[in-house]
């Protein structure tokens, strides 16, 4: 997995791993190899976060670099026994954005962004990573290119399966905290 800036991976409703670099680390674009044991069918879910300093949605507040950040995530899951990629991030995944900001991007120049930047947050649904959770009303993720995401660093150190795509919500900059779920993965 690779993410800008942080992620946690759930399989069949259980947390199996997360980004080892704290989200507060400046310019954290990290890859992780997460090993887990699970029984098919697999329900794969990801909590993905872009770094934001506070609810304003901005980063580096009070510095010349004060800006709106952007996100992005890519993952591939391989069956250790067969070596085959059994799942990868793609446009079939679904997402629920639980924090968006700033809704008024012109506030990026504000000296007081926590007051001037508008945001919206919704509660994280209970058991959202569980196999029994119904995500049918969630929209599909958007697929992005490496150039659109600004993917670099550890991203380039992985040989990504052609089935794996960079994904995020509908807005790389405004969507800050996302819940993502893959279609159920059956043993093939």
N, C-alpha and C. Protein backbone atom coordinates (compact mmCIF):
# COMPACT_ATOMS: atom_id res chain seq x y z
N UNK A 1 0.84 -1.18 0.00
CA UNK A 1 0.00 0.00 0.00
C UNK A 1 0.88 1.24 0.00
N UNK A 2 0.38 2.26 -0.63
CA UNK A 2 1.03 3.56 -0.61
C UNK A 2 -0.05 4.61 -0.40
N UNK A 3 0.23 5.60 0.43
CA UNK A 3 -0.76 6.63 0.67
C UNK A 3 -0.16 7.99 0.92
N UNK A 4 -0.93 8.99 0.55
CA UNK A 4 -0.65 10.38 0.83
C UNK A 4 -1.85 10.86 1.65
N UNK A 5 -1.79 10.84 2.96
CA UNK A 5 -0.64 10.76 3.81
C UNK A 5 -0.66 9.55 4.75
N UNK A 6 -1.81 8.99 5.08
CA UNK A 6 -1.87 7.94 6.11
C UNK A 6 -3.03 7.01 5.81
N UNK A 7 -2.89 5.74 6.25
CA UNK A 7 -3.96 4.76 6.01
C UNK A 7 -3.94 3.68 7.07
N UNK A 8 -5.09 3.04 7.23
CA UNK A 8 -5.23 1.85 8.07
C UNK A 8 -6.01 0.83 7.25
N UNK A 9 -5.57 -0.42 7.29
CA UNK A 9 -6.18 -1.50 6.51
C UNK A 9 -6.96 -2.43 7.41
N UNK A 10 -8.19 -2.71 7.02
CA UNK A 10 -9.07 -3.63 7.73
C UNK A 10 -9.43 -4.77 6.79
N UNK A 11 -9.42 -5.99 7.32
CA UNK A 11 -9.85 -7.15 6.54
C UNK A 11 -10.85 -7.92 7.39
N UNK A 12 -12.00 -8.19 6.81
CA UNK A 12 -13.09 -8.88 7.50
C UNK A 12 -13.43 -8.21 8.83
N UNK A 13 -13.38 -6.88 8.84
CA UNK A 13 -13.77 -6.11 10.00
C UNK A 13 -12.70 -5.91 11.05
N UNK A 14 -11.52 -6.46 10.84
CA UNK A 14 -10.44 -6.35 11.83
C UNK A 14 -9.30 -5.50 11.28
N UNK A 15 -8.76 -4.63 12.14
CA UNK A 15 -7.59 -3.85 11.76
C UNK A 15 -6.41 -4.80 11.63
N UNK A 16 -5.78 -4.83 10.44
CA UNK A 16 -4.64 -5.73 10.22
C UNK A 16 -3.33 -4.97 10.05
N UNK A 17 -3.39 -3.66 9.89
CA UNK A 17 -2.16 -2.89 9.77
C UNK A 17 -2.45 -1.44 9.44
N UNK A 18 -1.44 -0.62 9.68
CA UNK A 18 -1.58 0.80 9.37
C UNK A 18 -0.23 1.38 9.02
N UNK A 19 -0.27 2.55 8.43
CA UNK A 19 0.92 3.29 8.07
C UNK A 19 1.76 3.49 9.33
N UNK A 20 3.03 3.13 9.27
CA UNK A 20 3.89 3.22 10.45
C UNK A 20 4.45 4.62 10.67
N UNK A 21 4.31 5.49 9.68
CA UNK A 21 4.81 6.86 9.81
C UNK A 21 3.65 7.74 10.27
N UNK A 22 3.80 8.46 11.38
CA UNK A 22 2.71 9.30 11.86
C UNK A 22 2.24 10.31 10.80
N UNK A 23 0.95 10.55 10.79
CA UNK A 23 0.37 11.48 9.80
C UNK A 23 0.94 12.88 9.96
N UNK A 24 1.43 13.21 11.12
CA UNK A 24 1.97 14.55 11.37
C UNK A 24 3.38 14.74 10.82
N UNK A 25 3.98 13.67 10.28
CA UNK A 25 5.31 13.78 9.68
C UNK A 25 5.20 14.58 8.39
N UNK A 26 6.01 15.63 8.28
CA UNK A 26 5.93 16.48 7.09
C UNK A 26 6.27 15.67 5.85
N UNK A 27 5.44 15.83 4.84
CA UNK A 27 5.61 15.20 3.53
C UNK A 27 5.69 13.67 3.66
N UNK A 28 4.73 13.10 4.38
CA UNK A 28 4.72 11.64 4.56
C UNK A 28 3.95 10.98 3.42
N UNK A 29 4.67 10.39 2.50
CA UNK A 29 4.10 9.63 1.38
C UNK A 29 4.72 8.25 1.50
N UNK A 30 3.99 7.32 2.10
CA UNK A 30 4.63 6.09 2.55
C UNK A 30 4.04 4.84 1.93
N UNK A 31 4.91 3.86 1.79
CA UNK A 31 4.44 2.53 1.40
C UNK A 31 4.62 1.61 2.59
N UNK A 32 3.75 0.66 2.67
CA UNK A 32 3.82 -0.35 3.73
C UNK A 32 3.51 -1.70 3.12
N UNK A 33 4.20 -2.70 3.61
CA UNK A 33 3.86 -4.09 3.28
C UNK A 33 3.19 -4.64 4.54
N UNK A 34 1.93 -4.99 4.40
CA UNK A 34 1.14 -5.48 5.54
C UNK A 34 0.82 -6.94 5.29
N UNK A 35 1.20 -7.79 6.21
CA UNK A 35 0.94 -9.23 6.10
C UNK A 35 -0.17 -9.59 7.07
N UNK A 36 -1.14 -10.36 6.59
CA UNK A 36 -2.25 -10.77 7.44
C UNK A 36 -2.75 -12.14 7.01
N UNK A 37 -3.47 -12.78 7.90
CA UNK A 37 -4.13 -14.05 7.62
C UNK A 37 -5.63 -13.81 7.73
N UNK A 38 -6.37 -14.27 6.73
CA UNK A 38 -7.82 -14.09 6.73
C UNK A 38 -8.46 -15.21 5.93
N UNK A 39 -9.73 -15.38 6.15
CA UNK A 39 -10.51 -16.42 5.47
C UNK A 39 -11.37 -15.77 4.38
N UNK A 40 -11.36 -16.40 3.19
CA UNK A 40 -12.24 -15.93 2.11
C UNK A 40 -13.69 -16.24 2.47
N UNK A 41 -14.62 -15.42 1.96
CA UNK A 41 -14.45 -14.22 1.16
C UNK A 41 -13.88 -13.08 2.01
N UNK A 42 -13.14 -12.20 1.35
CA UNK A 42 -12.48 -11.09 2.04
C UNK A 42 -13.28 -9.80 1.89
N UNK A 43 -13.45 -9.11 2.99
CA UNK A 43 -13.98 -7.75 2.97
C UNK A 43 -12.80 -6.85 3.31
N UNK A 44 -12.38 -6.05 2.34
CA UNK A 44 -11.23 -5.17 2.52
C UNK A 44 -11.73 -3.73 2.64
N UNK A 45 -11.27 -3.05 3.69
CA UNK A 45 -11.67 -1.67 3.93
C UNK A 45 -10.45 -0.86 4.34
N UNK A 46 -10.46 0.41 4.00
CA UNK A 46 -9.33 1.30 4.31
C UNK A 46 -9.86 2.61 4.88
N UNK A 47 -9.24 3.04 5.96
CA UNK A 47 -9.41 4.40 6.46
C UNK A 47 -8.24 5.19 5.90
N UNK A 48 -8.51 6.20 5.10
CA UNK A 48 -7.46 6.99 4.46
C UNK A 48 -7.57 8.44 4.89
N UNK A 49 -6.42 9.04 5.20
CA UNK A 49 -6.41 10.43 5.66
C UNK A 49 -5.33 11.22 4.94
N UNK A 50 -5.72 12.40 4.49
CA UNK A 50 -4.75 13.39 4.06
C UNK A 50 -4.43 14.22 5.30
N UNK A 51 -3.19 14.64 5.44
CA UNK A 51 -2.84 15.44 6.61
C UNK A 51 -3.54 16.79 6.55
N UNK A 52 -4.21 17.13 7.65
CA UNK A 52 -4.76 18.47 7.85
C UNK A 52 -4.38 18.88 9.26
N UNK A 53 -4.02 20.13 9.41
CA UNK A 53 -3.58 20.59 10.73
C UNK A 53 -4.74 20.72 11.70
N UNK A 54 -5.91 21.09 11.18
CA UNK A 54 -7.12 21.20 12.00
C UNK A 54 -8.32 21.12 11.06
N UNK A 55 -9.50 21.39 11.56
CA UNK A 55 -10.72 21.25 10.76
C UNK A 55 -10.77 22.18 9.55
N UNK A 56 -9.87 23.16 9.49
CA UNK A 56 -9.84 24.09 8.34
C UNK A 56 -9.51 23.36 7.04
N UNK A 57 -8.83 22.22 7.14
CA UNK A 57 -8.40 21.50 5.95
C UNK A 57 -7.05 21.94 5.43
N UNK A 58 -6.40 22.86 6.12
CA UNK A 58 -5.11 23.36 5.66
C UNK A 58 -3.96 22.69 6.40
N UNK A 59 -2.78 22.82 5.83
CA UNK A 59 -1.56 22.34 6.46
C UNK A 59 -0.55 23.48 6.48
N UNK A 60 0.44 23.35 7.37
CA UNK A 60 1.50 24.35 7.53
C UNK A 60 0.93 25.73 7.87
N UNK A 61 -0.10 25.76 8.70
CA UNK A 61 -0.78 27.01 9.05
C UNK A 61 0.20 27.97 9.73
N UNK A 62 0.15 29.22 9.28
CA UNK A 62 0.99 30.27 9.86
C UNK A 62 2.38 30.34 9.27
N UNK A 63 2.66 29.51 8.27
CA UNK A 63 3.97 29.54 7.61
C UNK A 63 3.78 29.99 6.16
N UNK A 64 4.86 30.33 5.48
CA UNK A 64 4.74 30.70 4.06
C UNK A 64 4.21 29.54 3.20
N UNK A 65 4.28 28.31 3.71
CA UNK A 65 3.80 27.15 2.96
C UNK A 65 2.34 26.82 3.24
N UNK A 66 1.62 27.66 3.98
CA UNK A 66 0.21 27.37 4.29
C UNK A 66 -0.52 27.03 3.00
N UNK A 67 -1.18 25.87 2.99
CA UNK A 67 -1.79 25.40 1.75
C UNK A 67 -2.85 24.34 2.02
N UNK A 68 -3.57 24.01 0.94
CA UNK A 68 -4.48 22.88 0.94
C UNK A 68 -3.66 21.68 0.48
N UNK A 69 -3.71 20.59 1.22
CA UNK A 69 -2.99 19.39 0.82
C UNK A 69 -3.79 18.58 -0.19
N UNK A 70 -3.27 17.43 -0.54
CA UNK A 70 -4.01 16.53 -1.42
C UNK A 70 -3.74 15.10 -1.00
N UNK A 71 -4.61 14.20 -1.43
CA UNK A 71 -4.51 12.81 -1.01
C UNK A 71 -4.32 11.87 -2.18
N UNK A 72 -4.31 10.58 -1.88
CA UNK A 72 -4.21 9.53 -2.89
C UNK A 72 -3.83 8.23 -2.22
N UNK A 73 -4.29 7.12 -2.78
CA UNK A 73 -4.04 5.81 -2.20
C UNK A 73 -4.01 4.76 -3.30
N UNK A 74 -3.12 3.80 -3.16
CA UNK A 74 -3.08 2.65 -4.06
C UNK A 74 -2.71 1.43 -3.23
N UNK A 75 -3.30 0.30 -3.57
CA UNK A 75 -3.00 -0.94 -2.83
C UNK A 75 -3.17 -2.13 -3.76
N UNK A 76 -2.42 -3.16 -3.45
CA UNK A 76 -2.62 -4.46 -4.10
C UNK A 76 -2.46 -5.52 -3.03
N UNK A 77 -3.32 -6.52 -3.09
CA UNK A 77 -3.32 -7.59 -2.09
C UNK A 77 -3.01 -8.88 -2.81
N UNK A 78 -1.96 -9.55 -2.35
CA UNK A 78 -1.54 -10.81 -2.96
C UNK A 78 -1.82 -11.97 -2.02
N UNK A 79 -2.19 -13.08 -2.60
CA UNK A 79 -2.34 -14.33 -1.86
C UNK A 79 -0.94 -14.91 -1.73
N UNK A 80 -0.47 -15.06 -0.50
CA UNK A 80 0.90 -15.50 -0.29
C UNK A 80 1.15 -16.89 -0.86
N UNK A 81 0.17 -17.78 -0.76
CA UNK A 81 0.35 -19.16 -1.24
C UNK A 81 0.53 -19.21 -2.76
N UNK A 82 -0.28 -18.45 -3.49
CA UNK A 82 -0.22 -18.51 -4.95
C UNK A 82 0.65 -17.42 -5.55
N UNK A 83 0.88 -16.34 -4.80
CA UNK A 83 1.63 -15.21 -5.32
C UNK A 83 0.80 -14.31 -6.22
N UNK A 84 -0.46 -14.65 -6.44
CA UNK A 84 -1.31 -13.86 -7.33
C UNK A 84 -1.91 -12.65 -6.61
N UNK A 85 -2.06 -11.56 -7.35
CA UNK A 85 -2.78 -10.40 -6.83
C UNK A 85 -4.26 -10.75 -6.86
N UNK A 86 -4.89 -10.74 -5.69
CA UNK A 86 -6.31 -11.11 -5.60
C UNK A 86 -7.22 -9.89 -5.48
N UNK A 87 -6.64 -8.74 -5.20
CA UNK A 87 -7.42 -7.51 -5.11
C UNK A 87 -6.49 -6.32 -5.29
N UNK A 88 -7.06 -5.25 -5.82
CA UNK A 88 -6.31 -4.02 -6.01
C UNK A 88 -7.28 -2.85 -6.01
N UNK A 89 -6.78 -1.70 -5.62
CA UNK A 89 -7.63 -0.51 -5.66
C UNK A 89 -7.97 -0.20 -7.11
N UNK A 90 -9.25 0.10 -7.34
CA UNK A 90 -9.73 0.44 -8.68
C UNK A 90 -11.05 1.19 -8.55
N UNK A 91 -11.64 1.54 -9.66
CA UNK A 91 -12.86 2.32 -9.67
C UNK A 91 -14.09 1.63 -9.13
N UNK A 92 -13.99 0.34 -8.81
CA UNK A 92 -15.14 -0.39 -8.25
C UNK A 92 -15.24 -0.23 -6.74
N UNK A 93 -14.19 0.28 -6.12
CA UNK A 93 -14.24 0.52 -4.67
C UNK A 93 -15.26 1.62 -4.39
N UNK A 94 -15.80 1.60 -3.18
CA UNK A 94 -16.75 2.62 -2.75
C UNK A 94 -16.13 3.45 -1.63
N UNK A 95 -16.63 4.67 -1.47
CA UNK A 95 -16.07 5.55 -0.45
C UNK A 95 -17.13 6.41 0.21
N UNK A 96 -16.89 6.72 1.44
CA UNK A 96 -17.68 7.71 2.17
C UNK A 96 -16.69 8.73 2.72
N UNK A 97 -16.83 9.97 2.32
CA UNK A 97 -15.96 11.03 2.81
C UNK A 97 -16.56 11.53 4.13
N UNK A 98 -15.77 11.44 5.20
CA UNK A 98 -16.29 11.85 6.51
C UNK A 98 -15.76 13.21 6.97
N UNK A 99 -14.78 13.77 6.24
CA UNK A 99 -14.32 15.13 6.55
C UNK A 99 -13.88 15.79 5.26
N UNK A 100 -14.46 16.97 4.98
CA UNK A 100 -14.13 17.75 3.79
C UNK A 100 -13.82 19.18 4.22
N UNK A 101 -12.73 19.71 3.69
CA UNK A 101 -12.38 21.11 3.98
C UNK A 101 -11.15 21.49 3.17
N UNK A 102 -10.96 22.75 2.88
CA UNK A 102 -11.92 23.81 3.08
C UNK A 102 -12.95 23.83 1.94
N UNK A 103 -14.18 24.09 2.29
CA UNK A 103 -15.25 24.16 1.30
C UNK A 103 -15.18 25.48 0.53
N UNK A 104 -14.46 26.41 1.06
CA UNK A 104 -14.21 27.71 0.41
C UNK A 104 -12.69 27.87 0.26
N UNK A 105 -12.10 27.28 -0.78
CA UNK A 105 -10.64 27.25 -0.91
C UNK A 105 -9.96 28.62 -0.88
N UNK A 106 -10.68 29.69 -1.12
CA UNK A 106 -10.06 31.01 -1.07
C UNK A 106 -9.56 31.36 0.33
N UNK A 107 -10.00 30.60 1.35
CA UNK A 107 -9.54 30.86 2.72
C UNK A 107 -8.09 30.45 2.93
N UNK A 108 -7.46 29.86 1.93
CA UNK A 108 -6.09 29.39 2.08
C UNK A 108 -5.14 30.51 2.50
N UNK A 109 -5.47 31.74 2.16
CA UNK A 109 -4.62 32.88 2.51
C UNK A 109 -4.98 33.51 3.85
N UNK A 110 -5.97 32.96 4.53
CA UNK A 110 -6.45 33.53 5.79
C UNK A 110 -5.40 33.47 6.89
N UNK A 111 -5.36 34.51 7.70
CA UNK A 111 -4.51 34.51 8.90
C UNK A 111 -5.17 33.74 10.03
N UNK A 112 -6.47 33.44 9.89
CA UNK A 112 -7.21 32.71 10.92
C UNK A 112 -8.09 31.64 10.26
N UNK A 113 -7.46 30.62 9.64
CA UNK A 113 -8.22 29.66 8.86
C UNK A 113 -9.23 28.83 9.66
N UNK A 114 -8.98 28.57 10.93
CA UNK A 114 -9.93 27.77 11.70
C UNK A 114 -11.28 28.49 11.79
N UNK A 115 -11.26 29.81 11.72
CA UNK A 115 -12.49 30.59 11.73
C UNK A 115 -13.02 30.81 10.31
N UNK A 116 -12.13 31.06 9.37
CA UNK A 116 -12.54 31.46 8.03
C UNK A 116 -12.80 30.31 7.06
N UNK A 117 -12.20 29.17 7.27
CA UNK A 117 -12.39 28.04 6.35
C UNK A 117 -13.61 27.22 6.77
N UNK A 118 -14.48 26.96 5.82
CA UNK A 118 -15.67 26.16 6.09
C UNK A 118 -15.34 24.69 5.91
N UNK A 119 -15.99 23.86 6.73
CA UNK A 119 -15.75 22.42 6.63
C UNK A 119 -17.04 21.67 6.93
N UNK A 120 -17.04 20.39 6.57
CA UNK A 120 -18.15 19.52 6.96
C UNK A 120 -17.59 18.18 7.38
N UNK A 121 -18.17 17.65 8.43
CA UNK A 121 -17.78 16.34 8.95
C UNK A 121 -19.05 15.56 9.25
N UNK A 122 -18.99 14.26 9.02
CA UNK A 122 -20.09 13.39 9.39
C UNK A 122 -19.54 12.28 10.27
N UNK A 123 -20.40 11.65 11.03
CA UNK A 123 -19.97 10.57 11.92
C UNK A 123 -19.57 9.35 11.10
N UNK A 124 -18.57 8.65 11.58
CA UNK A 124 -18.17 7.38 10.97
C UNK A 124 -19.21 6.33 11.35
N UNK A 125 -19.80 5.66 10.36
CA UNK A 125 -20.81 4.65 10.68
C UNK A 125 -20.22 3.51 11.51
N UNK A 126 -20.99 3.00 12.45
CA UNK A 126 -20.57 1.84 13.24
C UNK A 126 -20.33 0.66 12.31
N UNK A 127 -19.31 -0.11 12.62
CA UNK A 127 -19.03 -1.36 11.90
C UNK A 127 -18.84 -1.17 10.39
N UNK A 128 -18.36 -0.01 9.97
CA UNK A 128 -18.22 0.28 8.55
C UNK A 128 -17.26 -0.67 7.83
N UNK A 129 -16.34 -1.29 8.55
CA UNK A 129 -15.36 -2.19 7.93
C UNK A 129 -15.81 -3.65 7.97
N UNK A 130 -16.94 -3.92 8.61
CA UNK A 130 -17.41 -5.30 8.79
C UNK A 130 -17.99 -5.88 7.50
N UNK A 131 -17.88 -7.19 7.32
CA UNK A 131 -18.46 -7.82 6.13
C UNK A 131 -19.96 -7.57 5.99
N UNK A 132 -20.67 -7.43 7.08
CA UNK A 132 -22.12 -7.26 7.03
C UNK A 132 -22.56 -5.83 6.71
N UNK A 133 -21.63 -4.87 6.69
CA UNK A 133 -21.99 -3.47 6.45
C UNK A 133 -22.44 -3.29 5.00
N UNK A 134 -23.52 -2.55 4.80
CA UNK A 134 -24.05 -2.30 3.45
C UNK A 134 -23.55 -0.94 2.96
N UNK A 135 -22.65 -0.98 1.98
CA UNK A 135 -22.11 0.26 1.41
C UNK A 135 -22.75 0.61 0.07
N UNK A 136 -23.90 0.02 -0.23
CA UNK A 136 -24.53 0.19 -1.55
C UNK A 136 -24.85 1.66 -1.87
N UNK A 137 -25.06 2.48 -0.87
CA UNK A 137 -25.38 3.89 -1.13
C UNK A 137 -24.14 4.78 -1.22
N UNK A 138 -22.98 4.22 -0.95
CA UNK A 138 -21.74 4.99 -1.07
C UNK A 138 -21.39 5.13 -2.55
N UNK A 139 -20.87 6.28 -2.96
CA UNK A 139 -20.42 6.41 -4.35
C UNK A 139 -19.11 5.66 -4.58
N UNK A 140 -18.84 5.40 -5.84
CA UNK A 140 -17.56 4.80 -6.19
C UNK A 140 -16.45 5.83 -6.02
N UNK A 141 -15.25 5.33 -5.75
CA UNK A 141 -14.09 6.21 -5.69
C UNK A 141 -13.81 6.77 -7.07
N UNK A 142 -12.97 7.77 -7.13
CA UNK A 142 -12.46 8.27 -8.40
C UNK A 142 -11.07 7.69 -8.60
N UNK A 143 -10.71 7.46 -9.84
CA UNK A 143 -9.39 6.95 -10.20
C UNK A 143 -8.57 8.12 -10.73
N UNK A 144 -7.31 8.18 -10.31
CA UNK A 144 -6.43 9.28 -10.69
C UNK A 144 -5.12 8.74 -11.26
N UNK A 145 -4.44 9.58 -12.00
CA UNK A 145 -3.11 9.23 -12.49
C UNK A 145 -2.07 9.60 -11.43
N UNK A 146 -0.87 9.06 -11.59
CA UNK A 146 0.22 9.41 -10.67
C UNK A 146 0.51 10.91 -10.74
N UNK A 147 0.38 11.49 -11.91
CA UNK A 147 0.63 12.92 -12.07
C UNK A 147 -0.42 13.73 -11.31
N UNK A 148 -1.68 13.34 -11.41
CA UNK A 148 -2.75 14.07 -10.71
C UNK A 148 -2.56 14.01 -9.19
N UNK A 149 -2.13 12.86 -8.69
CA UNK A 149 -1.93 12.69 -7.25
C UNK A 149 -0.61 13.31 -6.80
N UNK A 150 0.34 13.42 -7.71
CA UNK A 150 1.68 13.86 -7.33
C UNK A 150 2.44 12.73 -6.65
N UNK A 151 2.14 11.50 -7.07
CA UNK A 151 2.76 10.32 -6.46
C UNK A 151 4.25 10.29 -6.76
N UNK A 152 5.03 10.11 -5.71
CA UNK A 152 6.48 10.06 -5.86
C UNK A 152 7.05 9.34 -4.64
N UNK A 153 8.35 9.41 -4.48
CA UNK A 153 8.98 8.77 -3.32
C UNK A 153 8.76 7.27 -3.34
N UNK A 154 8.26 6.75 -2.23
CA UNK A 154 8.08 5.30 -2.10
C UNK A 154 7.15 4.72 -3.15
N UNK A 155 6.26 5.52 -3.72
CA UNK A 155 5.35 5.04 -4.76
C UNK A 155 6.14 4.44 -5.92
N UNK A 156 7.24 5.06 -6.29
CA UNK A 156 8.01 4.61 -7.44
C UNK A 156 8.87 3.38 -7.13
N UNK A 157 8.92 2.97 -5.87
CA UNK A 157 9.74 1.82 -5.47
C UNK A 157 8.96 0.51 -5.52
N UNK A 158 7.70 0.56 -5.93
CA UNK A 158 6.86 -0.63 -5.98
C UNK A 158 6.52 -0.94 -7.43
N UNK A 159 6.56 -2.21 -7.78
CA UNK A 159 6.06 -2.64 -9.09
C UNK A 159 4.57 -2.91 -8.92
N UNK A 160 3.76 -1.96 -9.34
CA UNK A 160 2.32 -2.07 -9.16
C UNK A 160 1.71 -2.96 -10.22
N UNK A 161 0.83 -3.83 -9.80
CA UNK A 161 0.09 -4.67 -10.73
C UNK A 161 -0.74 -3.75 -11.64
N UNK A 162 -0.88 -4.09 -12.92
CA UNK A 162 -1.68 -3.25 -13.82
C UNK A 162 -3.13 -3.05 -13.37
N UNK A 163 -3.63 -3.93 -12.52
CA UNK A 163 -5.01 -3.79 -12.04
C UNK A 163 -5.14 -2.77 -10.92
N UNK A 164 -4.03 -2.29 -10.37
CA UNK A 164 -4.05 -1.35 -9.24
C UNK A 164 -4.06 0.09 -9.75
N UNK A 165 -4.97 0.89 -9.20
CA UNK A 165 -5.09 2.30 -9.57
C UNK A 165 -5.00 3.18 -8.34
N UNK A 166 -4.54 4.39 -8.54
CA UNK A 166 -4.59 5.40 -7.49
C UNK A 166 -6.04 5.86 -7.35
N UNK A 167 -6.53 5.88 -6.12
CA UNK A 167 -7.93 6.24 -5.88
C UNK A 167 -8.04 7.30 -4.79
N UNK A 168 -9.18 7.95 -4.75
CA UNK A 168 -9.53 8.91 -3.69
C UNK A 168 -10.99 9.26 -3.89
N UNK A 169 -11.47 10.23 -3.14
CA UNK A 169 -12.83 10.71 -3.32
C UNK A 169 -12.92 11.57 -4.57
N UNK A 170 -13.99 12.32 -4.70
CA UNK A 170 -14.19 13.12 -5.91
C UNK A 170 -13.28 14.35 -5.97
N UNK A 171 -12.65 14.70 -4.86
CA UNK A 171 -11.79 15.88 -4.84
C UNK A 171 -10.50 15.57 -4.08
N UNK A 172 -9.38 15.54 -4.79
CA UNK A 172 -8.10 15.20 -4.18
C UNK A 172 -7.70 16.18 -3.08
N UNK A 173 -8.14 17.41 -3.15
CA UNK A 173 -7.71 18.43 -2.19
C UNK A 173 -8.69 18.62 -1.04
N UNK A 174 -9.96 18.56 -1.29
CA UNK A 174 -10.97 18.89 -0.27
C UNK A 174 -11.36 17.67 0.57
N UNK A 175 -11.35 16.49 -0.02
CA UNK A 175 -11.71 15.26 0.71
C UNK A 175 -10.51 14.85 1.57
N UNK A 176 -10.67 14.92 2.89
CA UNK A 176 -9.53 14.72 3.80
C UNK A 176 -9.54 13.40 4.55
N UNK A 177 -10.70 12.92 4.96
CA UNK A 177 -10.80 11.65 5.69
C UNK A 177 -11.84 10.81 4.98
N UNK A 178 -11.43 9.61 4.55
CA UNK A 178 -12.30 8.76 3.74
C UNK A 178 -12.34 7.35 4.28
N UNK A 179 -13.50 6.74 4.18
CA UNK A 179 -13.68 5.31 4.42
C UNK A 179 -13.82 4.68 3.05
N UNK A 180 -13.09 3.62 2.77
CA UNK A 180 -13.13 2.97 1.46
C UNK A 180 -13.35 1.48 1.64
N UNK A 181 -14.10 0.90 0.72
CA UNK A 181 -14.38 -0.54 0.77
C UNK A 181 -14.28 -1.13 -0.64
N UNK A 182 -13.64 -2.29 -0.71
CA UNK A 182 -13.54 -3.01 -1.97
C UNK A 182 -14.75 -3.92 -2.13
N UNK A 183 -15.08 -4.27 -3.38
CA UNK A 183 -16.09 -5.32 -3.55
C UNK A 183 -15.60 -6.60 -2.85
N UNK A 184 -16.51 -7.42 -2.39
CA UNK A 184 -16.14 -8.66 -1.70
C UNK A 184 -15.24 -9.49 -2.60
N UNK A 185 -14.19 -10.04 -2.02
CA UNK A 185 -13.20 -10.81 -2.77
C UNK A 185 -13.39 -12.28 -2.46
N UNK A 186 -13.79 -13.05 -3.47
CA UNK A 186 -13.97 -14.49 -3.31
C UNK A 186 -12.69 -15.20 -3.71
N UNK A 187 -12.51 -16.40 -3.18
CA UNK A 187 -11.36 -17.20 -3.61
C UNK A 187 -11.58 -17.59 -5.07
N UNK A 188 -10.55 -17.42 -5.88
CA UNK A 188 -10.71 -17.77 -7.30
C UNK A 188 -9.81 -18.93 -7.67
